[in-house]
PDB file of N, CA and C in Angstrom:
ATOM      1  N   MET A   1       5.774   9.987  29.540  1.00  0.00           N
ATOM      2  CA  MET A   1       5.472  11.403  29.035  1.00  0.00           C
ATOM      3  C   MET A   1       6.774  11.647  28.152  1.00  0.00           C
ATOM      4  N   GLY A   2       7.753  10.883  28.131  1.00  0.00           N
ATOM      5  CA  GLY A   2       8.926  11.288  27.376  1.00  0.00           C
ATOM      6  C   GLY A   2       8.997  10.737  25.931  1.00  0.00           C
ATOM      7  N   GLU A   3       7.730  10.279  25.354  1.00  0.00           N
ATOM      8  CA  GLU A   3       7.622   9.872  24.110  1.00  0.00           C
ATOM      9  C   GLU A   3       7.417  10.987  23.297  1.00  0.00           C
ATOM     10  N   THR A   4       7.958  10.755  22.004  1.00  0.00           N
ATOM     11  CA  THR A   4       7.856  11.870  20.987  1.00  0.00           C
ATOM     12  C   THR A   4       6.747  11.372  19.985  1.00  0.00           C
ATOM     13  N   ALA A   5       6.084  12.318  19.480  1.00  0.00           N
ATOM     14  CA  ALA A   5       4.866  12.109  18.591  1.00  0.00           C
ATOM     15  C   ALA A   5       5.573  11.721  17.098  1.00  0.00           C
ATOM     16  N   THR A   6       4.793  10.948  16.531  1.00  0.00           N
ATOM     17  CA  THR A   6       5.298  10.532  15.055  1.00  0.00           C
ATOM     18  C   THR A   6       4.984  11.732  14.187  1.00  0.00           C
ATOM     19  N   PRO A   7       5.949  11.915  13.306  1.00  0.00           N
ATOM     20  CA  PRO A   7       5.885  13.139  12.246  1.00  0.00           C
ATOM     21  C   PRO A   7       4.520  12.970  11.481  1.00  0.00           C
ATOM     22  N   LEU A   8       4.029  14.099  11.200  1.00  0.00           N
ATOM     23  CA  LEU A   8       2.788  14.203  10.219  1.00  0.00           C
ATOM     24  C   LEU A   8       3.151  13.885   8.911  1.00  0.00           C
ATOM     25  N   LYS A   9       2.258  13.264   8.172  1.00  0.00           N
ATOM     26  CA  LYS A   9       2.651  12.797   6.797  1.00  0.00           C
ATOM     27  C   LYS A   9       2.858  13.992   5.903  1.00  0.00           C
ATOM     28  N   THR A  10       3.704  13.988   5.000  1.00  0.00           N
ATOM     29  CA  THR A  10       4.061  15.019   4.190  1.00  0.00           C
ATOM     30  C   THR A  10       3.354  15.037   2.854  1.00  0.00           C
ATOM     31  N   GLU A  11       3.434  16.132   2.044  1.00  0.00           N
ATOM     32  CA  GLU A  11       2.721  16.126   0.829  1.00  0.00           C
ATOM     33  C   GLU A  11       3.329  15.028  -0.047  1.00  0.00           C
ATOM     34  N   ASP A  12       4.524  14.739   0.040  1.00  0.00           N
ATOM     35  CA  ASP A  12       5.140  13.591  -0.865  1.00  0.00           C
ATOM     36  C   ASP A  12       4.270  12.305  -0.460  1.00  0.00           C
ATOM     37  N   ASP A  13       4.075  12.083   0.796  1.00  0.00           N
ATOM     38  CA  ASP A  13       3.420  10.707   1.023  1.00  0.00           C
ATOM     39  C   ASP A  13       2.063  10.846   0.572  1.00  0.00           C
ATOM     40  N   ALA A  14       1.343  11.945   0.625  1.00  0.00           N
ATOM     41  CA  ALA A  14       0.040  11.987   0.090  1.00  0.00           C
ATOM     42  C   ALA A  14       0.031  11.756  -1.463  1.00  0.00           C
ATOM     43  N   ALA A  15       1.007  12.329  -2.203  1.00  0.00           N
ATOM     44  CA  ALA A  15       1.212  12.270  -3.506  1.00  0.00           C
ATOM     45  C   ALA A  15       1.134  10.814  -4.044  1.00  0.00           C
ATOM     46  N   GLU A  16       1.959  10.027  -3.190  1.00  0.00           N
ATOM     47  CA  GLU A  16       2.284   8.508  -3.423  1.00  0.00           C
ATOM     48  C   GLU A  16       1.033   7.744  -3.343  1.00  0.00           C
ATOM     49  N   ARG A  17       0.174   8.128  -2.421  1.00  0.00           N
ATOM     50  CA  ARG A  17      -1.117   7.567  -2.114  1.00  0.00           C
ATOM     51  C   ARG A  17      -2.272   8.042  -2.911  1.00  0.00           C
ATOM     52  N   GLN A  18      -2.865   7.566  -3.912  1.00  0.00           N
ATOM     53  CA  GLN A  18      -3.698   7.961  -4.816  1.00  0.00           C
ATOM     54  C   GLN A  18      -5.090   7.463  -4.245  1.00  0.00           C
ATOM     55  N   PRO A  19      -6.031   8.279  -4.210  1.00  0.00           N
ATOM     56  CA  PRO A  19      -7.338   7.721  -3.838  1.00  0.00           C
ATOM     57  C   PRO A  19      -7.876   6.785  -4.956  1.00  0.00           C
ATOM     58  N   LEU A  20      -8.760   5.956  -4.488  1.00  0.00           N
ATOM     59  CA  LEU A  20      -9.279   5.021  -5.595  1.00  0.00           C
ATOM     60  C   LEU A  20     -10.501   5.775  -6.318  1.00  0.00           C
ATOM     61  N   SER A  21     -10.327   5.486  -7.618  1.00  0.00           N
ATOM     62  CA  SER A  21     -11.234   6.148  -8.554  1.00  0.00           C
ATOM     63  C   SER A  21     -12.596   5.658  -8.669  1.00  0.00           C
ATOM     64  N   ILE A  22     -13.528   6.175  -9.143  1.00  0.00           N
ATOM     65  CA  ILE A  22     -15.021   5.749  -9.289  1.00  0.00           C
ATOM     66  C   ILE A  22     -14.904   4.612 -10.316  1.00  0.00           C
ATOM     67  N   GLU A  23     -14.025   4.524 -11.341  1.00  0.00           N
ATOM     68  CA  GLU A  23     -14.145   3.498 -12.131  1.00  0.00           C
ATOM     69  C   GLU A  23     -13.616   2.209 -11.617  1.00  0.00           C
ATOM     70  N   TYR A  24     -12.686   2.338 -10.512  1.00  0.00           N
ATOM     71  CA  TYR A  24     -12.331   1.080  -9.953  1.00  0.00           C
ATOM     72  C   TYR A  24     -13.541   0.509  -9.146  1.00  0.00           C
ATOM     73  N   PHE A  25     -14.282   1.333  -8.418  1.00  0.00           N
ATOM     74  CA  PHE A  25     -15.472   0.676  -7.761  1.00  0.00           C
ATOM     75  C   PHE A  25     -16.411   0.316  -8.853  1.00  0.00           C
ATOM     76  N   LYS A  26     -16.616   0.844  -9.923  1.00  0.00           N
ATOM     77  CA  LYS A  26     -17.578   0.430 -10.940  1.00  0.00           C
ATOM     78  C   LYS A  26     -17.069  -0.967 -11.439  1.00  0.00           C
ATOM     79  N   LYS A  27     -15.648  -0.969 -11.675  1.00  0.00           N
ATOM     80  CA  LYS A  27     -15.157  -2.227 -12.242  1.00  0.00           C
ATOM     81  C   LYS A  27     -15.348  -3.537 -11.080  1.00  0.00           C
ATOM     82  N   VAL A  28     -15.086  -3.166  -9.941  1.00  0.00           N
ATOM     83  CA  VAL A  28     -15.317  -4.160  -8.833  1.00  0.00           C
ATOM     84  C   VAL A  28     -16.749  -4.730  -8.779  1.00  0.00           C
ATOM     85  N   ARG A  29     -17.583  -3.584  -8.855  1.00  0.00           N
ATOM     86  CA  ARG A  29     -19.061  -3.953  -8.885  1.00  0.00           C
ATOM     87  C   ARG A  29     -19.593  -4.752  -9.906  1.00  0.00           C
ATOM     88  N   HIS A  30     -19.014  -4.530 -11.008  1.00  0.00           N
ATOM     89  CA  HIS A  30     -19.541  -5.328 -12.241  1.00  0.00           C
ATOM     90  C   HIS A  30     -18.794  -6.530 -12.391  1.00  0.00           C
ATOM     91  N   ASP A  31     -17.665  -6.709 -11.819  1.00  0.00           N
ATOM     92  CA  ASP A  31     -16.849  -8.043 -11.730  1.00  0.00           C
ATOM     93  C   ASP A  31     -17.520  -8.905 -10.792  1.00  0.00           C
ATOM     94  N   VAL A  32     -18.291  -8.669  -9.848  1.00  0.00           N
ATOM     95  CA  VAL A  32     -18.878  -9.504  -8.689  1.00  0.00           C
ATOM     96  C   VAL A  32     -20.130 -10.027  -9.302  1.00  0.00           C
ATOM     97  N   THR A  33     -20.389 -11.186  -9.383  1.00  0.00           N
ATOM     98  CA  THR A  33     -21.492 -11.850  -9.930  1.00  0.00           C
ATOM     99  C   THR A  33     -22.435 -12.111  -8.703  1.00  0.00           C
ATOM    100  N   PHE A  34     -23.587 -11.715  -9.087  1.00  0.00           N
ATOM    101  CA  PHE A  34     -24.758 -11.800  -8.060  1.00  0.00           C
ATOM    102  C   PHE A  34     -25.427 -13.068  -8.238  1.00  0.00           C
ATOM    103  N   SER A  35     -25.596 -13.901  -7.147  1.00  0.00           N
ATOM    104  CA  SER A  35     -26.477 -15.228  -7.331  1.00  0.00           C
ATOM    105  C   SER A  35     -27.839 -14.997  -7.101  1.00  0.00           C
ATOM    106  N   GLU A  36     -28.707 -15.958  -7.506  1.00  0.00           N
ATOM    107  CA  GLU A  36     -30.048 -15.821  -7.349  1.00  0.00           C
ATOM    108  C   GLU A  36     -30.521 -16.632  -6.075  1.00  0.00           C
ATOM    109  N   ARG A  37     -29.650 -16.948  -5.190  1.00  0.00           N
ATOM    110  CA  ARG A  37     -30.031 -17.536  -3.999  1.00  0.00           C
ATOM    111  C   ARG A  37     -30.833 -16.442  -3.077  1.00  0.00           C
ATOM    112  N   ARG A  38     -31.914 -17.101  -2.472  1.00  0.00           N
ATOM    113  CA  ARG A  38     -32.756 -16.237  -1.668  1.00  0.00           C
ATOM    114  C   ARG A  38     -32.910 -16.670  -0.106  1.00  0.00           C
ATOM    115  N   PHE A  39     -33.038 -15.882   0.452  1.00  0.00           N
ATOM    116  CA  PHE A  39     -33.189 -16.264   2.077  1.00  0.00           C
ATOM    117  C   PHE A  39     -34.437 -16.939   2.381  1.00  0.00           C
ATOM    118  N   ASP A  40     -34.593 -18.120   2.773  1.00  0.00           N
ATOM    119  CA  ASP A  40     -35.795 -18.824   3.048  1.00  0.00           C
ATOM    120  C   ASP A  40     -36.396 -18.333   4.413  1.00  0.00           C
ATOM    121  N   VAL A  41     -37.584 -17.425   4.190  1.00  0.00           N
ATOM    122  CA  VAL A  41     -38.266 -17.023   5.366  1.00  0.00           C
ATOM    123  C   VAL A  41     -38.909 -17.923   6.253  1.00  0.00           C
ATOM    124  N   ASN A  42     -38.993 -19.202   5.745  1.00  0.00           N
ATOM    125  CA  ASN A  42     -39.850 -20.283   6.492  1.00  0.00           C
ATOM    126  C   ASN A  42     -38.925 -20.813   7.666  1.00  0.00           C
ATOM    127  N   THR A  43     -37.614 -20.419   7.632  1.00  0.00           N
ATOM    128  CA  THR A  43     -36.630 -20.884   8.662  1.00  0.00           C
ATOM    129  C   THR A  43     -36.763 -19.890   9.809  1.00  0.00           C
ATOM    130  N   LEU A  44     -37.310 -18.789   9.772  1.00  0.00           N
ATOM    131  CA  LEU A  44     -37.502 -17.929  10.856  1.00  0.00           C
ATOM    132  C   LEU A  44     -38.420 -18.281  11.760  1.00  0.00           C
ATOM    133  N   PRO A  45     -38.466 -17.961  13.148  1.00  0.00           N
ATOM    134  CA  PRO A  45     -39.351 -18.226  14.000  1.00  0.00           C
ATOM    135  C   PRO A  45     -40.791 -17.810  13.779  1.00  0.00           C
ATOM    136  N   GLU A  46     -41.786 -18.220  14.148  1.00  0.00           N
ATOM    137  CA  GLU A  46     -43.221 -17.771  13.781  1.00  0.00           C
ATOM    138  C   GLU A  46     -43.368 -16.468  13.988  1.00  0.00           C
ATOM    139  N   ASP A  47     -43.122 -15.832  15.169  1.00  0.00           N
ATOM    140  CA  ASP A  47     -43.539 -14.243  15.355  1.00  0.00           C
ATOM    141  C   ASP A  47     -42.694 -13.593  14.262  1.00  0.00           C
ATOM    142  N   MET A  48     -41.359 -13.935  13.998  1.00  0.00           N
ATOM    143  CA  MET A  48     -40.663 -13.016  13.121  1.00  0.00           C
ATOM    144  C   MET A  48     -41.230 -13.265  11.612  1.00  0.00           C
ATOM    145  N   ARG A  49     -41.731 -14.516  11.245  1.00  0.00           N
ATOM    146  CA  ARG A  49     -42.148 -14.690  10.132  1.00  0.00           C
ATOM    147  C   ARG A  49     -43.542 -13.866   9.797  1.00  0.00           C
ATOM    148  N   ARG A  50     -44.200 -13.827  11.050  1.00  0.00           N
ATOM    149  CA  ARG A  50     -45.422 -13.044  10.863  1.00  0.00           C
ATOM    150  C   ARG A  50     -45.221 -11.594  10.614  1.00  0.00           C
ATOM    151  N   VAL A  51     -44.075 -10.965  11.400  1.00  0.00           N
ATOM    152  CA  VAL A  51     -43.668  -9.454  11.273  1.00  0.00           C
ATOM    153  C   VAL A  51     -43.215  -9.362   9.792  1.00  0.00           C
ATOM    154  N   TYR A  52     -42.311 -10.176   9.333  1.00  0.00           N
ATOM    155  CA  TYR A  52     -41.791 -10.041   7.812  1.00  0.00           C
ATOM    156  C   TYR A  52     -43.076 -10.111   6.917  1.00  0.00           C
ATOM    157  N   GLY A  53     -43.899 -11.059   7.060  1.00  0.00           N
ATOM    158  CA  GLY A  53     -45.090 -11.043   6.090  1.00  0.00           C
ATOM    159  C   GLY A  53     -45.812  -9.827   6.108  1.00  0.00           C
ATOM    160  N   HIS A  54     -46.007  -9.241   7.257  1.00  0.00           N
ATOM    161  CA  HIS A  54     -46.767  -7.909   7.263  1.00  0.00           C
ATOM    162  C   HIS A  54     -45.982  -6.671   6.568  1.00  0.00           C
ATOM    163  N   LEU A  55     -44.561  -6.704   6.974  1.00  0.00           N
ATOM    164  CA  LEU A  55     -43.649  -5.759   6.259  1.00  0.00           C
ATOM    165  C   LEU A  55     -43.526  -5.832   4.844  1.00  0.00           C
ATOM    166  N   GLU A  56     -43.458  -7.239   4.336  1.00  0.00           N
ATOM    167  CA  GLU A  56     -43.234  -7.582   3.043  1.00  0.00           C
ATOM    168  C   GLU A  56     -44.561  -6.992   2.170  1.00  0.00           C
ATOM    169  N   GLU A  57     -45.686  -7.294   2.841  1.00  0.00           N
ATOM    170  CA  GLU A  57     -46.927  -6.786   2.287  1.00  0.00           C
ATOM    171  C   GLU A  57     -47.104  -5.358   2.030  1.00  0.00           C
ATOM    172  N   LYS A  58     -46.668  -4.492   3.075  1.00  0.00           N
ATOM    173  CA  LYS A  58     -46.733  -3.125   3.153  1.00  0.00           C
ATOM    174  C   LYS A  58     -45.613  -2.413   2.451  1.00  0.00           C
ATOM    175  N   PHE A  59     -44.441  -2.951   2.601  1.00  0.00           N
ATOM    176  CA  PHE A  59     -43.301  -2.145   2.061  1.00  0.00           C
ATOM    177  C   PHE A  59     -42.490  -3.006   1.041  1.00  0.00           C
ATOM    178  N   GLY A  60     -42.583  -4.121   0.855  1.00  0.00           N
ATOM    179  CA  GLY A  60     -41.918  -4.803  -0.051  1.00  0.00           C
ATOM    180  C   GLY A  60     -40.919  -5.993   0.521  1.00  0.00           C
ATOM    181  N   GLU A  61     -40.322  -6.772  -0.266  1.00  0.00           N
ATOM    182  CA  GLU A  61     -39.524  -7.730   0.286  1.00  0.00           C
ATOM    183  C   GLU A  61     -38.382  -7.313   0.850  1.00  0.00           C
ATOM    184  N   GLU A  62     -37.492  -6.400   0.228  1.00  0.00           N
ATOM    185  CA  GLU A  62     -36.149  -5.882   0.605  1.00  0.00           C
ATOM    186  C   GLU A  62     -36.226  -5.263   2.045  1.00  0.00           C
ATOM    187  N   TYR A  63     -37.234  -4.421   2.092  1.00  0.00           N
ATOM    188  CA  TYR A  63     -37.531  -3.862   3.578  1.00  0.00           C
ATOM    189  C   TYR A  63     -37.728  -4.733   4.672  1.00  0.00           C
ATOM    190  N   GLY A  64     -38.704  -5.678   4.222  1.00  0.00           N
ATOM    191  CA  GLY A  64     -38.994  -6.791   5.288  1.00  0.00           C
ATOM    192  C   GLY A  64     -37.877  -7.550   5.650  1.00  0.00           C
ATOM    193  N   LEU A  65     -36.911  -7.993   4.777  1.00  0.00           N
ATOM    194  CA  LEU A  65     -35.739  -8.660   5.062  1.00  0.00           C
ATOM    195  C   LEU A  65     -34.576  -7.921   5.795  1.00  0.00           C
ATOM    196  N   LEU A  66     -34.630  -6.525   5.370  1.00  0.00           N
ATOM    197  CA  LEU A  66     -33.646  -5.610   6.079  1.00  0.00           C
ATOM    198  C   LEU A  66     -33.957  -5.451   7.434  1.00  0.00           C
ATOM    199  N   PHE A  67     -35.277  -5.212   7.813  1.00  0.00           N
ATOM    200  CA  PHE A  67     -35.753  -5.278   9.311  1.00  0.00           C
ATOM    201  C   PHE A  67     -35.380  -6.317  10.023  1.00  0.00           C
ATOM    202  N   ILE A  68     -35.789  -7.573   9.366  1.00  0.00           N
ATOM    203  CA  ILE A  68     -35.542  -8.931   9.974  1.00  0.00           C
ATOM    204  C   ILE A  68     -34.162  -9.058  10.344  1.00  0.00           C
ATOM    205  N   PHE A  69     -33.108  -8.808   9.442  1.00  0.00           N
ATOM    206  CA  PHE A  69     -31.744  -8.982   9.676  1.00  0.00           C
ATOM    207  C   PHE A  69     -31.156  -8.048  10.667  1.00  0.00           C
ATOM    208  N   THR A  70     -31.840  -6.963  10.718  1.00  0.00           N
ATOM    209  CA  THR A  70     -31.402  -5.813  11.501  1.00  0.00           C
ATOM    210  C   THR A  70     -31.789  -6.081  13.091  1.00  0.00           C
ATOM    211  N   MET A  71     -33.114  -6.673  13.206  1.00  0.00           N
ATOM    212  CA  MET A  71     -33.604  -7.050  14.424  1.00  0.00           C
ATOM    213  C   MET A  71     -32.686  -8.337  15.076  1.00  0.00           C
ATOM    214  N   ARG A  72     -32.468  -9.155  14.265  1.00  0.00           N
ATOM    215  CA  ARG A  72     -31.674 -10.515  14.654  1.00  0.00           C
ATOM    216  C   ARG A  72     -30.243 -10.048  15.010  1.00  0.00           C
ATOM    217  N   THR A  73     -29.619  -9.086  14.348  1.00  0.00           N
ATOM    218  CA  THR A  73     -28.399  -8.608  14.817  1.00  0.00           C
ATOM    219  C   THR A  73     -28.533  -7.877  16.145  1.00  0.00           C
ATOM    220  N   ALA A  74     -29.552  -7.137  16.361  1.00  0.00           N
ATOM    221  CA  ALA A  74     -29.516  -6.385  17.508  1.00  0.00           C
ATOM    222  C   ALA A  74     -29.778  -7.314  18.906  1.00  0.00           C
ATOM    223  N   VAL A  75     -30.539  -8.381  18.531  1.00  0.00           N
ATOM    224  CA  VAL A  75     -30.790  -9.370  19.498  1.00  0.00           C
ATOM    225  C   VAL A  75     -29.457 -10.063  19.921  1.00  0.00           C
ATOM    226  N   GLU A  76     -28.773 -10.570  18.773  1.00  0.00           N
ATOM    227  CA  GLU A  76     -27.517 -11.184  19.208  1.00  0.00           C
ATOM    228  C   GLU A  76     -26.470 -10.142  19.761  1.00  0.00           C
ATOM    229  N   LEU A  77     -26.413  -8.956  19.358  1.00  0.00           N
ATOM    230  CA  LEU A  77     -25.438  -7.961  19.987  1.00  0.00           C
ATOM    231  C   LEU A  77     -25.865  -7.953  21.493  1.00  0.00           C
ATOM    232  N   HIS A  78     -27.119  -7.797  21.749  1.00  0.00           N
ATOM    233  CA  HIS A  78     -27.632  -7.616  23.171  1.00  0.00           C
ATOM    234  C   HIS A  78     -27.225  -8.920  23.958  1.00  0.00           C
ATOM    235  N   ARG A  79     -27.408 -10.044  23.525  1.00  0.00           N
ATOM    236  CA  ARG A  79     -26.999 -11.238  24.132  1.00  0.00           C
ATOM    237  C   ARG A  79     -25.500 -11.351  24.521  1.00  0.00           C
ATOM    238  N   ALA A  80     -24.744 -10.989  23.370  1.00  0.00           N
ATOM    239  CA  ALA A  80     -23.305 -10.949  23.618  1.00  0.00           C
ATOM    240  C   ALA A  80     -22.966  -9.955  24.655  1.00  0.00           C
ATOM    241  N   TRP A  81     -23.442  -8.819  24.589  1.00  0.00           N
ATOM    242  CA  TRP A  81     -23.310  -7.622  25.596  1.00  0.00           C
ATOM    243  C   TRP A  81     -23.385  -8.207  26.968  1.00  0.00           C
ATOM    244  N   ASN A  82     -24.464  -8.946  27.219  1.00  0.00           N
ATOM    245  CA  ASN A  82     -24.940  -9.169  28.673  1.00  0.00           C
ATOM    246  C   ASN A  82     -24.334 -10.625  29.056  1.00  0.00           C
ATOM    247  N   MET A  83     -23.380 -11.241  28.295  1.00  0.00           N
ATOM    248  CA  MET A  83     -22.695 -12.511  28.605  1.00  0.00           C
ATOM    249  C   MET A  83     -21.661 -12.194  29.903  1.00  0.00           C
TER     250      MET A  83
END
């Protein structure tokens, strides 16, 4: 309990640290090249492929893949939590 708190940052510290500008993010976004590689849905188990196909037909490819990746992540997190 005899510890002392660290001092709060001063205005001088805040002045030295400038927030990143929108131009910086635009530059980074435009410098990154996007590849044309696509996820092969045929590697999915049959039941996931069926769900993906239904979602793709109804809502589009992006939504279908987003759902599949979210579901796979949730399953793996659940498995890891219960180890």
